[in-house]
Amino acid sequence: MNPCLNWTMLIGFTVFWLPLAAAQSAGRSPSWLRRRQRGPARLFGAAGLVLYAGVLVNTVPRLARADADTLAYTSYTGSALIFVYIALLIAYVALAGKSRDEPR
């Protein structure tokens, strides 16, 4: 992969994704997102932080030009983090569906 694309991805996730995910995991959602959000914001924020960690684990060794064994291990770790991210999103959707059924 092109190093410029890796840097762009890393900077983009750090500038846009990390502050939003960190705020949500602390229980503070922006007003534009709070209106649309039906499930627990902290769980959604934790899922965002796991996704960010997966991006870091996959991107940083490539930028450091690590050897093939290190890249393989970090790819496995990044894939595991993506599976955790998917599991957290499934849990979020299940909890959001339950909160939708409750009367307000």
N, C-alpha and C. Protein backbone atom coordinates (compact mmCIF):
# COMPACT_ATOMS: atom_id res chain seq x y z
N MET A 1 0.85 -1.18 0.00
CA MET A 1 0.00 0.00 0.00
C MET A 1 0.89 1.24 0.00
N ASN A 2 0.43 2.26 -0.61
CA ASN A 2 1.15 3.51 -0.72
C ASN A 2 1.31 4.16 0.66
N PRO A 3 2.54 4.60 1.03
CA PRO A 3 2.73 5.24 2.34
C PRO A 3 1.91 6.52 2.51
N CYS A 4 1.68 7.22 1.41
CA CYS A 4 0.86 8.44 1.51
C CYS A 4 -0.57 8.10 1.92
N LEU A 5 -1.07 6.99 1.40
CA LEU A 5 -2.41 6.55 1.79
C LEU A 5 -2.45 6.14 3.26
N ASN A 6 -1.39 5.47 3.72
CA ASN A 6 -1.32 5.09 5.13
C ASN A 6 -1.29 6.32 6.03
N TRP A 7 -0.47 7.31 5.67
CA TRP A 7 -0.42 8.54 6.46
C TRP A 7 -1.76 9.26 6.45
N THR A 8 -2.39 9.31 5.28
CA THR A 8 -3.69 9.97 5.17
C THR A 8 -4.73 9.28 6.05
N MET A 9 -4.73 7.95 6.01
CA MET A 9 -5.68 7.19 6.82
C MET A 9 -5.42 7.41 8.31
N LEU A 10 -4.17 7.38 8.71
CA LEU A 10 -3.82 7.57 10.11
C LEU A 10 -4.19 8.97 10.60
N ILE A 11 -3.88 9.97 9.82
CA ILE A 11 -4.20 11.35 10.20
C ILE A 11 -5.72 11.57 10.21
N GLY A 12 -6.39 11.05 9.21
CA GLY A 12 -7.84 11.21 9.15
C GLY A 12 -8.55 10.56 10.33
N PHE A 13 -8.16 9.34 10.66
CA PHE A 13 -8.78 8.68 11.80
C PHE A 13 -8.44 9.40 13.10
N THR A 14 -7.22 9.90 13.22
CA THR A 14 -6.83 10.58 14.46
C THR A 14 -7.57 11.90 14.63
N VAL A 15 -7.74 12.64 13.55
CA VAL A 15 -8.37 13.96 13.65
C VAL A 15 -9.89 13.86 13.77
N PHE A 16 -10.50 12.98 13.00
CA PHE A 16 -11.96 12.96 12.96
C PHE A 16 -12.59 11.86 13.81
N TRP A 17 -12.02 10.68 13.80
CA TRP A 17 -12.66 9.55 14.46
C TRP A 17 -12.34 9.49 15.95
N LEU A 18 -11.08 9.68 16.32
CA LEU A 18 -10.66 9.52 17.72
C LEU A 18 -11.38 10.46 18.68
N PRO A 19 -11.49 11.76 18.40
CA PRO A 19 -12.19 12.63 19.36
C PRO A 19 -13.67 12.27 19.52
N LEU A 20 -14.31 11.90 18.43
CA LEU A 20 -15.73 11.54 18.51
C LEU A 20 -15.92 10.25 19.31
N ALA A 21 -15.09 9.25 19.04
CA ALA A 21 -15.21 7.98 19.75
C ALA A 21 -14.86 8.14 21.23
N ALA A 22 -13.84 8.95 21.52
CA ALA A 22 -13.46 9.17 22.92
C ALA A 22 -14.55 9.92 23.67
N ALA A 23 -15.16 10.90 23.04
CA ALA A 23 -16.25 11.64 23.69
C ALA A 23 -17.44 10.73 23.94
N GLN A 24 -17.77 9.88 22.98
CA GLN A 24 -18.91 8.98 23.17
C GLN A 24 -18.63 7.95 24.23
N SER A 25 -17.42 7.44 24.30
CA SER A 25 -17.13 6.45 25.33
C SER A 25 -17.13 7.08 26.72
N ALA A 26 -16.94 8.38 26.79
CA ALA A 26 -17.05 9.09 28.07
C ALA A 26 -18.49 9.51 28.36
N GLY A 27 -19.41 9.24 27.43
CA GLY A 27 -20.82 9.56 27.65
C GLY A 27 -21.24 10.91 27.12
N ARG A 28 -20.40 11.55 26.34
CA ARG A 28 -20.71 12.87 25.78
C ARG A 28 -20.80 12.77 24.27
N SER A 29 -22.01 12.84 23.76
CA SER A 29 -22.22 12.78 22.31
C SER A 29 -22.55 14.17 21.79
N PRO A 30 -22.11 14.50 20.58
CA PRO A 30 -22.51 15.77 19.99
C PRO A 30 -24.03 15.81 19.78
N SER A 31 -24.59 17.00 19.79
CA SER A 31 -26.05 17.12 19.70
C SER A 31 -26.60 16.56 18.40
N TRP A 32 -25.88 16.72 17.28
CA TRP A 32 -26.36 16.22 16.00
C TRP A 32 -26.39 14.70 15.98
N LEU A 33 -25.55 14.06 16.78
CA LEU A 33 -25.55 12.60 16.83
C LEU A 33 -26.50 12.08 17.90
N ARG A 34 -26.68 12.84 18.94
CA ARG A 34 -27.55 12.43 20.04
C ARG A 34 -29.00 12.28 19.59
N ARG A 35 -29.43 13.12 18.66
CA ARG A 35 -30.82 13.04 18.17
C ARG A 35 -31.06 11.75 17.41
N ARG A 36 -30.05 11.25 16.70
CA ARG A 36 -30.21 10.07 15.86
C ARG A 36 -29.88 8.78 16.59
N GLN A 37 -29.20 8.87 17.71
CA GLN A 37 -28.70 7.69 18.40
C GLN A 37 -29.78 7.10 19.30
N ARG A 38 -29.99 5.80 19.18
CA ARG A 38 -31.02 5.13 19.96
C ARG A 38 -30.45 4.22 21.05
N GLY A 39 -29.22 3.76 20.88
CA GLY A 39 -28.63 2.82 21.83
C GLY A 39 -27.69 3.51 22.79
N PRO A 40 -26.96 2.72 23.58
CA PRO A 40 -26.02 3.29 24.56
C PRO A 40 -24.82 3.93 23.87
N ALA A 41 -24.61 5.19 24.15
CA ALA A 41 -23.53 5.94 23.49
C ALA A 41 -22.16 5.42 23.90
N ARG A 42 -22.01 4.98 25.14
CA ARG A 42 -20.70 4.50 25.59
C ARG A 42 -20.27 3.25 24.85
N LEU A 43 -21.21 2.36 24.57
CA LEU A 43 -20.89 1.15 23.82
C LEU A 43 -20.49 1.50 22.39
N PHE A 44 -21.19 2.45 21.80
CA PHE A 44 -20.86 2.90 20.45
C PHE A 44 -19.48 3.56 20.42
N GLY A 45 -19.17 4.33 21.45
CA GLY A 45 -17.85 4.96 21.56
C GLY A 45 -16.75 3.94 21.75
N ALA A 46 -17.02 2.92 22.56
CA ALA A 46 -16.02 1.86 22.75
C ALA A 46 -15.76 1.12 21.45
N ALA A 47 -16.81 0.89 20.67
CA ALA A 47 -16.63 0.25 19.37
C ALA A 47 -15.77 1.14 18.46
N GLY A 48 -15.97 2.42 18.51
CA GLY A 48 -15.15 3.35 17.71
C GLY A 48 -13.69 3.33 18.13
N LEU A 49 -13.43 3.23 19.43
CA LEU A 49 -12.05 3.17 19.91
C LEU A 49 -11.39 1.86 19.49
N VAL A 50 -12.15 0.77 19.48
CA VAL A 50 -11.60 -0.51 19.03
C VAL A 50 -11.27 -0.43 17.54
N LEU A 51 -12.12 0.20 16.76
CA LEU A 51 -11.83 0.38 15.33
C LEU A 51 -10.57 1.22 15.14
N TYR A 52 -10.44 2.27 15.93
CA TYR A 52 -9.24 3.11 15.84
C TYR A 52 -7.99 2.30 16.19
N ALA A 53 -8.09 1.46 17.22
CA ALA A 53 -6.95 0.61 17.59
C ALA A 53 -6.60 -0.35 16.46
N GLY A 54 -7.60 -0.88 15.78
CA GLY A 54 -7.35 -1.76 14.65
C GLY A 54 -6.63 -1.05 13.52
N VAL A 55 -7.00 0.20 13.28
CA VAL A 55 -6.32 0.99 12.25
C VAL A 55 -4.87 1.25 12.66
N LEU A 56 -4.66 1.59 13.93
CA LEU A 56 -3.29 1.84 14.40
C LEU A 56 -2.42 0.59 14.28
N VAL A 57 -2.96 -0.54 14.71
CA VAL A 57 -2.20 -1.78 14.69
C VAL A 57 -1.82 -2.17 13.27
N ASN A 58 -2.67 -1.88 12.31
CA ASN A 58 -2.36 -2.22 10.93
C ASN A 58 -1.48 -1.18 10.23
N THR A 59 -1.60 0.07 10.62
CA THR A 59 -0.94 1.13 9.87
C THR A 59 0.47 1.44 10.36
N VAL A 60 0.67 1.51 11.66
CA VAL A 60 1.96 1.94 12.20
C VAL A 60 3.11 1.01 11.78
N PRO A 61 2.97 -0.32 11.86
CA PRO A 61 4.09 -1.16 11.40
C PRO A 61 4.38 -1.00 9.91
N ARG A 62 3.38 -0.74 9.12
CA ARG A 62 3.63 -0.53 7.69
C ARG A 62 4.41 0.76 7.46
N LEU A 63 4.09 1.80 8.23
CA LEU A 63 4.82 3.05 8.11
C LEU A 63 6.26 2.91 8.61
N ALA A 64 6.46 2.03 9.60
CA ALA A 64 7.79 1.80 10.14
C ALA A 64 8.59 0.81 9.30
N ARG A 65 7.95 0.28 8.25
CA ARG A 65 8.57 -0.70 7.35
C ARG A 65 9.10 -1.90 8.12
N ALA A 66 8.21 -2.47 8.92
CA ALA A 66 8.56 -3.65 9.71
C ALA A 66 8.74 -4.85 8.80
N ASP A 67 9.36 -5.88 9.35
CA ASP A 67 9.58 -7.09 8.55
C ASP A 67 8.27 -7.85 8.35
N ALA A 68 8.34 -8.86 7.52
CA ALA A 68 7.13 -9.59 7.12
C ALA A 68 6.47 -10.31 8.29
N ASP A 69 7.25 -10.86 9.20
CA ASP A 69 6.67 -11.56 10.35
C ASP A 69 5.88 -10.60 11.24
N THR A 70 6.44 -9.44 11.49
CA THR A 70 5.75 -8.44 12.32
C THR A 70 4.47 -7.98 11.62
N LEU A 71 4.54 -7.76 10.33
CA LEU A 71 3.34 -7.35 9.59
C LEU A 71 2.26 -8.43 9.64
N ALA A 72 2.66 -9.69 9.60
CA ALA A 72 1.68 -10.78 9.69
C ALA A 72 1.01 -10.78 11.05
N TYR A 73 1.80 -10.66 12.12
CA TYR A 73 1.22 -10.66 13.46
C TYR A 73 0.31 -9.45 13.70
N THR A 74 0.74 -8.31 13.22
CA THR A 74 -0.11 -7.13 13.42
C THR A 74 -1.37 -7.21 12.57
N SER A 75 -1.28 -7.84 11.42
CA SER A 75 -2.49 -8.03 10.61
C SER A 75 -3.48 -8.96 11.31
N TYR A 76 -2.96 -10.02 11.94
CA TYR A 76 -3.83 -10.91 12.70
C TYR A 76 -4.48 -10.18 13.87
N THR A 77 -3.69 -9.37 14.55
CA THR A 77 -4.22 -8.60 15.68
C THR A 77 -5.25 -7.59 15.20
N GLY A 78 -4.95 -6.92 14.11
CA GLY A 78 -5.91 -5.96 13.55
C GLY A 78 -7.19 -6.62 13.12
N SER A 79 -7.09 -7.81 12.54
CA SER A 79 -8.30 -8.54 12.15
C SER A 79 -9.13 -8.93 13.37
N ALA A 80 -8.45 -9.35 14.44
CA ALA A 80 -9.16 -9.69 15.67
C ALA A 80 -9.87 -8.46 16.24
N LEU A 81 -9.22 -7.31 16.17
CA LEU A 81 -9.86 -6.08 16.66
C LEU A 81 -11.06 -5.71 15.81
N ILE A 82 -10.99 -5.95 14.52
CA ILE A 82 -12.14 -5.66 13.65
C ILE A 82 -13.30 -6.58 14.00
N PHE A 83 -13.01 -7.85 14.32
CA PHE A 83 -14.07 -8.76 14.74
C PHE A 83 -14.70 -8.32 16.07
N VAL A 84 -13.87 -7.80 16.99
CA VAL A 84 -14.40 -7.25 18.25
C VAL A 84 -15.27 -6.04 17.95
N TYR A 85 -14.84 -5.20 17.02
CA TYR A 85 -15.63 -4.03 16.61
C TYR A 85 -17.00 -4.46 16.08
N ILE A 86 -17.01 -5.48 15.23
CA ILE A 86 -18.27 -5.98 14.67
C ILE A 86 -19.16 -6.53 15.78
N ALA A 87 -18.57 -7.25 16.72
CA ALA A 87 -19.36 -7.79 17.84
C ALA A 87 -19.96 -6.67 18.68
N LEU A 88 -19.19 -5.62 18.92
CA LEU A 88 -19.71 -4.48 19.68
C LEU A 88 -20.84 -3.78 18.93
N LEU A 89 -20.71 -3.67 17.62
CA LEU A 89 -21.79 -3.05 16.84
C LEU A 89 -23.05 -3.90 16.85
N ILE A 90 -22.89 -5.22 16.80
CA ILE A 90 -24.06 -6.10 16.88
C ILE A 90 -24.73 -5.95 18.24
N ALA A 91 -23.94 -5.87 19.31
CA ALA A 91 -24.52 -5.65 20.64
C ALA A 91 -25.21 -4.30 20.71
N TYR A 92 -24.62 -3.28 20.10
CA TYR A 92 -25.23 -1.95 20.08
C TYR A 92 -26.58 -1.97 19.37
N VAL A 93 -26.63 -2.63 18.22
CA VAL A 93 -27.87 -2.71 17.45
C VAL A 93 -28.93 -3.47 18.24
N ALA A 94 -28.53 -4.53 18.93
CA ALA A 94 -29.49 -5.29 19.73
C ALA A 94 -30.04 -4.44 20.87
N LEU A 95 -29.17 -3.70 21.54
CA LEU A 95 -29.63 -2.83 22.63
C LEU A 95 -30.43 -1.65 22.10
N ALA A 96 -30.08 -1.14 20.93
CA ALA A 96 -30.83 -0.03 20.35
C ALA A 96 -32.23 -0.49 19.96
N GLY A 97 -32.35 -1.73 19.48
CA GLY A 97 -33.66 -2.27 19.14
C GLY A 97 -34.53 -2.43 20.35
N LYS A 98 -33.95 -2.82 21.48
CA LYS A 98 -34.72 -2.94 22.73
C LYS A 98 -35.18 -1.58 23.22
N SER A 99 -34.30 -0.56 23.09
CA SER A 99 -34.71 0.76 23.56
C SER A 99 -35.76 1.38 22.64
N ARG A 100 -35.80 0.97 21.39
CA ARG A 100 -36.80 1.47 20.45
C ARG A 100 -38.19 0.93 20.80
N ASP A 101 -38.23 -0.31 21.34
CA ASP A 101 -39.50 -0.92 21.68
C ASP A 101 -40.11 -0.33 22.95
N GLU A 102 -39.28 0.27 23.81
CA GLU A 102 -39.79 0.84 25.05
C GLU A 102 -40.50 2.16 24.77
N PRO A 103 -41.59 2.44 25.47
CA PRO A 103 -42.26 3.74 25.29
C PRO A 103 -41.42 4.85 25.89
N ARG A 104 -41.53 6.02 25.30
CA ARG A 104 -40.77 7.17 25.80
C ARG A 104 -41.57 7.96 26.77
